Amino acid sequence: MARFRFSKAVLFASFVFALAIAANAQTPSSAPQVFVPETKGPSQAATKTTLYCAGYIRLQPLPSMPQVVGAVEEQEQRMFSNGETVYINAGSQQGLKEGQDFQIIRPRGDVKGVHQQKHGNLGTYIQEVGQLEVINVGENVSAAQITTSCGDAVMLGDMLTVIPERESPVERPELIDRFAPASHKQYGRLMMAKDSREMVTRHDVVYIDLGTEDNVKAGDYLTIYRPLGTGTIVRDNGEMGRNRSVGFQSEHFKGGGFSTQGTRAKDSSPFAKSDGYYNESPVTSREVKRYRPQMPRKVVGEMVIIDVQTRTATAIITKANGEVHTGDWVEIQ
């Protein structure tokens, strides 16, 4: 009898468990989760490092400003980088306070011997070396810690100035229009590039001879171009097979009296445009280029201005459709 009662209890428990499972199965589950991909904001044309390490060409003479005149570890080194402590020849007498930040610059000399459209003096190239923070102020000497390095180490003699206010332009997603006509706006030359580069590409910093006197401003986009048929190191060595009477014919089995490499022959008539006879020497590429109409320019890239001075501007290349180098032309879009 007890065994029978136990079996009924087990059956009852099983029945209740089955009902619970069925109830859970009928209960609607929680709403499905929808994962929406994160939308990225517009890409910045320049990183913070690029913005504050780009350098510029300044027309006006530099005013008197503090200099780096010493360092804690100057007994064993003459170049200093992030985290190291240097001394500057200014203190409380000159109005310095702890916590102030400064831009470290290094004048490199007047800009000469560059590809420029403008005439006259363009200014002095100012290299931006990094930034530092004043950590201890004396009367005429203060200690500062290097907080940012632009690649080149800080050296004694480097100068301090206020940190410029720069914002990165938004990079445009559109492709380069390789056949874009001229805008007939301000145009100039890609004079030089950072770190003395001659061949440059996307994200490289360059300098152009357009400035505030040309009404350009930070954020302006420019087209990089050059005249068709120019701007490469390789030179055309001339026509091959210019003589129509020679070619790939043997002396034994002659196959024709004209060259297989020559261009089309000239019209034999000196007066008519065409009389159907071509017995003269071939037309050369030089002749074709001489008498052809005005040809479109070759668009090779795009840049955006990140800093403007009086006669020059600093820009970063955002797109490159081919080889870009110093000497190319630029035009405001």
Protein backbone atom coordinates (compact mmCIF):
# COMPACT_ATOMS: atom_id res chain seq x y z
CA MET A 1 0.00 0.00 0.00
CA ALA A 2 2.83 2.37 0.86
CA ARG A 3 4.51 1.51 -2.39
CA PHE A 4 1.32 2.42 -4.25
CA ARG A 5 1.04 5.77 -2.44
CA PHE A 6 4.71 6.56 -3.32
CA SER A 7 4.10 5.85 -6.97
CA LYS A 8 1.07 8.19 -7.03
CA ALA A 9 3.16 10.94 -5.42
CA VAL A 10 5.88 10.51 -8.02
CA LEU A 11 3.37 10.59 -10.84
CA PHE A 12 1.75 13.74 -9.41
CA ALA A 13 5.11 15.51 -9.14
CA SER A 14 5.98 14.55 -12.70
CA PHE A 15 2.63 15.87 -13.89
CA VAL A 16 3.17 19.22 -12.14
CA PHE A 17 6.68 19.50 -13.63
CA ALA A 18 5.32 18.84 -17.11
CA LEU A 19 2.67 21.52 -16.66
CA ALA A 20 5.35 24.00 -15.62
CA ILE A 21 7.40 23.26 -18.72
CA ALA A 22 4.36 23.67 -20.95
CA ALA A 23 3.47 26.96 -19.29
CA ASN A 24 6.98 28.28 -19.80
CA ALA A 25 6.88 27.17 -23.41
CA GLN A 26 3.69 29.13 -23.99
CA THR A 27 4.95 32.26 -22.20
CA PRO A 28 6.21 34.71 -24.82
CA SER A 29 9.95 35.21 -24.61
CA SER A 30 11.52 38.59 -24.20
CA ALA A 31 11.59 40.87 -27.24
CA PRO A 32 14.42 40.08 -29.66
CA GLN A 33 17.46 42.33 -29.40
CA VAL A 34 18.36 44.35 -32.47
CA PHE A 35 22.01 45.30 -32.79
CA VAL A 36 22.36 48.55 -34.70
CA PRO A 37 25.87 49.14 -36.03
CA GLU A 38 27.55 52.17 -34.57
CA THR A 39 27.57 55.09 -36.95
CA LYS A 40 30.97 56.65 -37.21
CA GLY A 41 31.28 60.39 -37.43
CA PRO A 42 33.03 62.10 -40.30
CA SER A 43 36.71 61.27 -40.59
CA GLN A 44 39.17 63.96 -39.60
CA ALA A 45 41.68 64.97 -42.24
CA ALA A 46 44.50 65.40 -39.71
CA THR A 47 45.38 63.83 -36.39
CA LYS A 48 46.26 65.96 -33.36
CA THR A 49 49.94 65.14 -33.85
CA THR A 50 49.78 66.28 -37.48
CA LEU A 51 48.01 69.51 -36.53
CA TYR A 52 50.54 70.59 -33.92
CA CYS A 53 53.67 69.23 -35.58
CA ALA A 54 53.06 70.50 -39.11
CA GLY A 55 55.24 73.61 -39.08
CA TYR A 56 54.67 76.79 -41.07
CA ILE A 57 56.40 79.58 -42.99
CA ARG A 58 56.26 82.91 -41.13
CA LEU A 59 56.79 86.19 -42.94
CA GLN A 60 57.10 88.51 -39.92
CA PRO A 61 60.29 88.43 -37.81
CA LEU A 62 59.99 86.39 -34.61
CA PRO A 63 59.63 88.44 -31.43
CA SER A 64 61.77 87.91 -28.35
CA MET A 65 60.62 84.68 -26.67
CA PRO A 66 61.88 82.24 -24.00
CA GLN A 67 64.35 79.54 -24.97
CA VAL A 68 65.37 76.11 -23.76
CA VAL A 69 68.75 76.79 -22.13
CA GLY A 70 69.47 73.69 -20.06
CA ALA A 71 68.33 70.24 -18.95
CA VAL A 72 68.65 68.01 -15.91
CA GLU A 73 70.59 65.41 -17.89
CA GLU A 74 72.62 67.79 -20.03
CA GLN A 75 75.88 66.31 -18.72
CA GLU A 76 75.41 63.23 -20.90
CA GLN A 77 73.07 64.19 -23.72
CA ARG A 78 72.14 67.14 -25.88
CA MET A 79 68.77 65.95 -27.22
CA PHE A 80 65.69 65.49 -25.04
CA SER A 81 62.30 63.87 -25.49
CA ASN A 82 59.00 63.15 -23.72
CA GLY A 83 59.07 63.13 -19.95
CA GLU A 84 62.47 64.78 -19.59
CA THR A 85 63.00 68.02 -17.68
CA VAL A 86 64.52 71.08 -19.29
CA TYR A 87 65.18 74.63 -18.13
CA ILE A 88 63.97 77.83 -19.80
CA ASN A 89 65.37 81.32 -19.37
CA ALA A 90 62.19 82.90 -18.02
CA GLY A 91 60.44 82.87 -14.65
CA SER A 92 58.17 84.86 -12.37
CA GLN A 93 59.87 88.10 -13.42
CA GLN A 94 58.64 87.41 -16.96
CA GLY A 95 55.15 86.39 -15.86
CA LEU A 96 55.51 82.60 -16.05
CA LYS A 97 53.33 80.39 -13.87
CA GLU A 98 53.32 76.71 -13.03
CA GLY A 99 51.05 74.66 -15.27
CA GLN A 100 51.49 76.83 -18.37
CA ASP A 101 51.89 74.97 -21.67
CA PHE A 102 54.04 76.16 -24.56
CA GLN A 103 54.77 75.14 -28.13
CA ILE A 104 58.44 74.38 -28.85
CA ILE A 105 59.59 75.77 -32.19
CA ARG A 106 62.84 75.85 -34.12
CA PRO A 107 63.44 78.43 -36.89
CA ARG A 108 65.24 76.65 -39.73
CA GLY A 109 65.99 79.55 -42.08
CA ASP A 110 64.52 81.64 -44.86
CA VAL A 111 62.68 79.76 -47.61
CA LYS A 112 64.69 79.94 -50.81
CA GLY A 113 65.22 77.80 -53.88
CA VAL A 114 61.69 76.38 -53.92
CA HIS A 115 59.03 76.09 -56.62
CA GLN A 116 57.02 79.25 -56.15
CA GLN A 117 54.55 81.23 -58.17
CA LYS A 118 54.95 84.35 -56.05
CA HIS A 119 57.86 86.73 -56.26
CA GLY A 120 59.80 88.03 -53.31
CA ASN A 121 60.39 86.84 -49.78
CA LEU A 122 58.03 84.16 -48.45
CA GLY A 123 59.33 84.04 -44.89
CA THR A 124 61.17 81.74 -42.48
CA TYR A 125 60.38 78.06 -42.11
CA ILE A 126 59.40 77.34 -38.50
CA GLN A 127 59.67 73.71 -37.42
CA GLU A 128 57.33 72.66 -34.62
CA VAL A 129 59.28 70.35 -32.31
CA GLY A 130 56.80 69.61 -29.51
CA GLN A 131 55.18 70.99 -26.37
CA LEU A 132 56.14 71.36 -22.70
CA GLU A 133 54.57 72.23 -19.36
CA VAL A 134 56.11 74.52 -16.75
CA ILE A 135 56.47 72.56 -13.47
CA ASN A 136 58.62 74.88 -11.33
CA VAL A 137 59.02 78.65 -11.54
CA GLY A 138 62.00 80.67 -10.33
CA GLU A 139 62.69 84.35 -10.73
CA ASN A 140 64.47 84.10 -14.08
CA VAL A 141 64.77 80.34 -14.70
CA SER A 142 61.99 77.77 -14.73
CA ALA A 143 61.86 74.01 -15.05
CA ALA A 144 59.54 72.42 -17.60
CA GLN A 145 58.65 68.88 -18.61
CA ILE A 146 58.41 67.88 -22.26
CA THR A 147 54.88 66.54 -22.83
CA THR A 148 54.78 66.10 -26.61
CA SER A 149 57.48 65.32 -29.16
CA CYS A 150 57.02 65.70 -32.91
CA GLY A 151 59.66 63.17 -33.85
CA ASP A 152 62.75 65.32 -33.59
CA ALA A 153 64.25 65.70 -30.12
CA VAL A 154 64.24 69.01 -28.23
CA MET A 155 67.62 70.77 -28.17
CA LEU A 156 69.12 73.73 -26.36
CA GLY A 157 68.26 76.93 -28.20
CA ASP A 158 64.74 75.88 -29.15
CA MET A 159 62.19 78.64 -28.61
CA LEU A 160 58.81 78.75 -26.85
CA THR A 161 55.60 80.31 -28.08
CA VAL A 162 51.88 80.03 -27.39
CA ILE A 163 50.17 76.87 -28.63
CA PRO A 164 48.26 77.69 -31.83
CA GLU A 165 44.54 77.03 -32.10
CA ARG A 166 43.98 74.57 -34.93
CA GLU A 167 41.09 72.32 -35.85
CA SER A 168 41.18 69.40 -38.24
CA PRO A 169 38.97 69.80 -41.31
CA VAL A 170 36.56 67.00 -42.12
CA GLU A 171 37.82 64.64 -44.79
CA ARG A 172 35.50 64.50 -47.80
CA PRO A 173 34.45 61.04 -49.00
CA GLU A 174 34.09 61.96 -52.66
CA LEU A 175 36.55 60.55 -55.16
CA ILE A 176 38.85 62.83 -57.10
CA ASP A 177 37.43 64.10 -60.36
CA ARG A 178 40.35 63.44 -62.67
CA PHE A 179 38.82 65.58 -65.38
CA ALA A 180 37.69 68.49 -63.23
CA PRO A 181 37.98 71.77 -65.13
CA ALA A 182 39.84 74.70 -63.66
CA SER A 183 37.93 76.73 -61.08
CA HIS A 184 39.75 79.93 -62.12
CA LYS A 185 40.27 80.80 -58.46
CA GLN A 186 43.55 81.44 -56.67
CA TYR A 187 46.34 79.13 -57.75
CA GLY A 188 49.93 78.61 -56.65
CA ARG A 189 52.64 76.00 -56.23
CA LEU A 190 53.31 73.11 -53.90
CA MET A 191 56.65 74.62 -52.83
CA MET A 192 58.06 72.13 -50.35
CA ALA A 193 57.11 69.32 -48.00
CA LYS A 194 57.83 68.47 -44.40
CA ASP A 195 61.07 66.58 -43.69
CA SER A 196 62.49 67.67 -47.07
CA ARG A 197 60.42 65.14 -49.01
CA GLU A 198 60.08 65.53 -52.74
CA MET A 199 57.60 62.74 -53.53
CA VAL A 200 54.57 62.98 -51.25
CA THR A 201 51.30 61.14 -50.82
CA ARG A 202 48.19 60.97 -48.64
CA HIS A 203 48.50 62.36 -45.08
CA ASP A 204 51.80 64.13 -45.87
CA VAL A 205 52.24 67.77 -44.81
CA VAL A 206 53.15 70.28 -47.52
CA TYR A 207 53.55 74.05 -47.90
CA ILE A 208 52.07 76.22 -50.65
CA ASP A 209 52.58 79.86 -51.67
CA LEU A 210 49.02 80.97 -50.96
CA GLY A 211 48.18 82.83 -47.75
CA THR A 212 45.91 85.37 -46.14
CA GLU A 213 46.89 87.91 -48.78
CA ASP A 214 45.24 85.55 -51.29
CA ASN A 215 42.06 85.23 -49.18
CA VAL A 216 42.59 81.55 -48.40
CA LYS A 217 41.69 80.14 -45.00
CA ALA A 218 42.00 76.96 -42.96
CA GLY A 219 39.59 74.33 -44.25
CA ASP A 220 39.85 75.33 -47.91
CA TYR A 221 40.29 72.42 -50.31
CA LEU A 222 42.65 72.64 -53.27
CA THR A 223 43.17 70.54 -56.38
CA ILE A 224 46.71 69.36 -57.10
CA TYR A 225 47.50 69.26 -60.81
CA ARG A 226 50.16 69.68 -63.46
CA PRO A 227 50.19 70.28 -67.22
CA LEU A 228 49.62 67.16 -69.29
CA GLY A 229 52.82 65.36 -70.24
CA THR A 230 54.99 66.80 -67.45
CA GLY A 231 56.13 65.88 -63.99
CA THR A 232 57.88 62.51 -64.17
CA ILE A 233 61.50 61.52 -63.77
CA VAL A 234 61.45 59.23 -66.83
CA ARG A 235 61.95 61.04 -70.13
CA ASP A 236 60.74 60.04 -73.59
CA ASN A 237 63.79 59.12 -75.66
CA GLY A 238 62.10 59.97 -78.93
CA GLU A 239 60.40 58.11 -81.74
CA MET A 240 61.39 54.59 -82.78
CA GLY A 241 61.37 53.58 -86.43
CA ARG A 242 61.03 57.09 -87.80
CA ASN A 243 62.26 56.14 -91.29
CA ARG A 244 59.51 54.59 -93.40
CA SER A 245 61.98 52.67 -95.57
CA VAL A 246 63.29 50.42 -92.79
CA GLY A 247 61.67 48.14 -90.25
CA PHE A 248 61.37 44.46 -89.46
CA GLN A 249 61.93 43.35 -93.04
CA SER A 250 64.91 41.16 -93.87
CA GLU A 251 67.30 41.76 -96.73
CA HIS A 252 66.37 38.43 -98.31
CA PHE A 253 62.59 38.33 -97.88
CA LYS A 254 61.38 41.89 -98.06
CA GLY A 255 57.88 42.29 -96.67
CA GLY A 256 57.13 45.96 -97.23
CA GLY A 257 58.68 49.34 -97.75
CA PHE A 258 57.72 50.92 -94.44
CA SER A 259 58.61 50.56 -90.80
CA THR A 260 56.46 48.48 -88.49
CA GLN A 261 57.25 50.92 -85.67
CA GLY A 262 56.73 54.23 -87.40
CA THR A 263 53.73 56.54 -86.93
CA ARG A 264 51.42 57.44 -89.80
CA ALA A 265 52.98 59.01 -92.85
CA LYS A 266 52.48 62.62 -93.77
CA ASP A 267 50.24 63.71 -96.60
CA SER A 268 52.31 63.95 -99.78
CA SER A 269 50.51 67.05 -101.00
CA PRO A 270 52.05 70.30 -99.72
CA PHE A 271 48.81 72.25 -100.47
CA ALA A 272 45.78 70.05 -99.97
CA LYS A 273 44.84 68.79 -96.53
CA SER A 274 44.61 65.26 -97.91
CA ASP A 275 44.92 63.88 -101.41
CA GLY A 276 44.92 60.23 -100.44
CA TYR A 277 48.66 59.74 -100.90
CA TYR A 278 51.11 59.27 -98.04
CA ASN A 279 54.64 59.18 -99.36
CA GLU A 280 56.42 61.54 -97.00
CA SER A 281 58.22 60.97 -93.66
CA PRO A 282 56.07 59.96 -90.68
CA VAL A 283 54.25 62.37 -88.40
CA THR A 284 56.09 62.71 -85.08
CA SER A 285 54.60 63.00 -81.61
CA ARG A 286 56.30 66.37 -81.18
CA GLU A 287 54.50 67.72 -84.24
CA VAL A 288 51.14 66.41 -83.05
CA LYS A 289 51.61 68.02 -79.63
CA ARG A 290 52.68 71.30 -81.20
CA TYR A 291 49.49 71.79 -83.19
CA ARG A 292 46.91 70.18 -80.96
CA PRO A 293 44.28 72.28 -79.13
CA GLN A 294 44.49 73.27 -75.47
CA MET A 295 44.64 70.03 -73.49
CA PRO A 296 43.09 69.36 -70.08
CA ARG A 297 45.34 69.39 -67.04
CA LYS A 298 46.38 66.23 -65.21
CA VAL A 299 44.72 66.12 -61.76
CA VAL A 300 46.89 64.12 -59.34
CA GLY A 301 45.48 64.84 -55.87
CA GLU A 302 43.66 66.96 -53.35
CA MET A 303 44.73 68.82 -50.21
CA VAL A 304 43.17 70.82 -47.39
CA ILE A 305 44.67 73.82 -45.57
CA ILE A 306 45.27 73.45 -41.81
CA ASP A 307 47.24 76.66 -41.09
CA VAL A 308 47.47 80.01 -42.89
CA GLN A 309 50.22 82.61 -42.72
CA THR A 310 50.60 85.91 -44.59
CA ARG A 311 52.05 84.60 -47.85
CA THR A 312 51.97 80.85 -47.36
CA ALA A 313 49.84 78.06 -45.95
CA THR A 314 50.37 74.60 -44.49
CA ALA A 315 48.23 71.82 -45.94
CA ILE A 316 47.77 68.08 -45.68
CA ILE A 317 47.20 65.84 -48.69
CA THR A 318 43.87 64.05 -48.37
CA LYS A 319 43.78 62.18 -51.68
CA ALA A 320 46.37 61.12 -54.23
CA ASN A 321 45.38 59.94 -57.67
CA GLY A 322 48.97 59.43 -58.78
CA GLU A 323 52.47 60.61 -57.99
CA VAL A 324 52.49 64.00 -56.24
CA HIS A 325 55.68 65.97 -55.81
CA THR A 326 57.03 69.39 -55.03
CA GLY A 327 56.57 71.74 -57.95
CA ASP A 328 53.01 70.66 -58.72
CA TRP A 329 50.36 73.34 -59.07
CA VAL A 330 47.45 73.87 -56.68
CA GLU A 331 44.15 75.66 -57.14
CA ILE A 332 41.34 76.55 -54.74
CA GLN A 333 38.27 74.45 -55.49
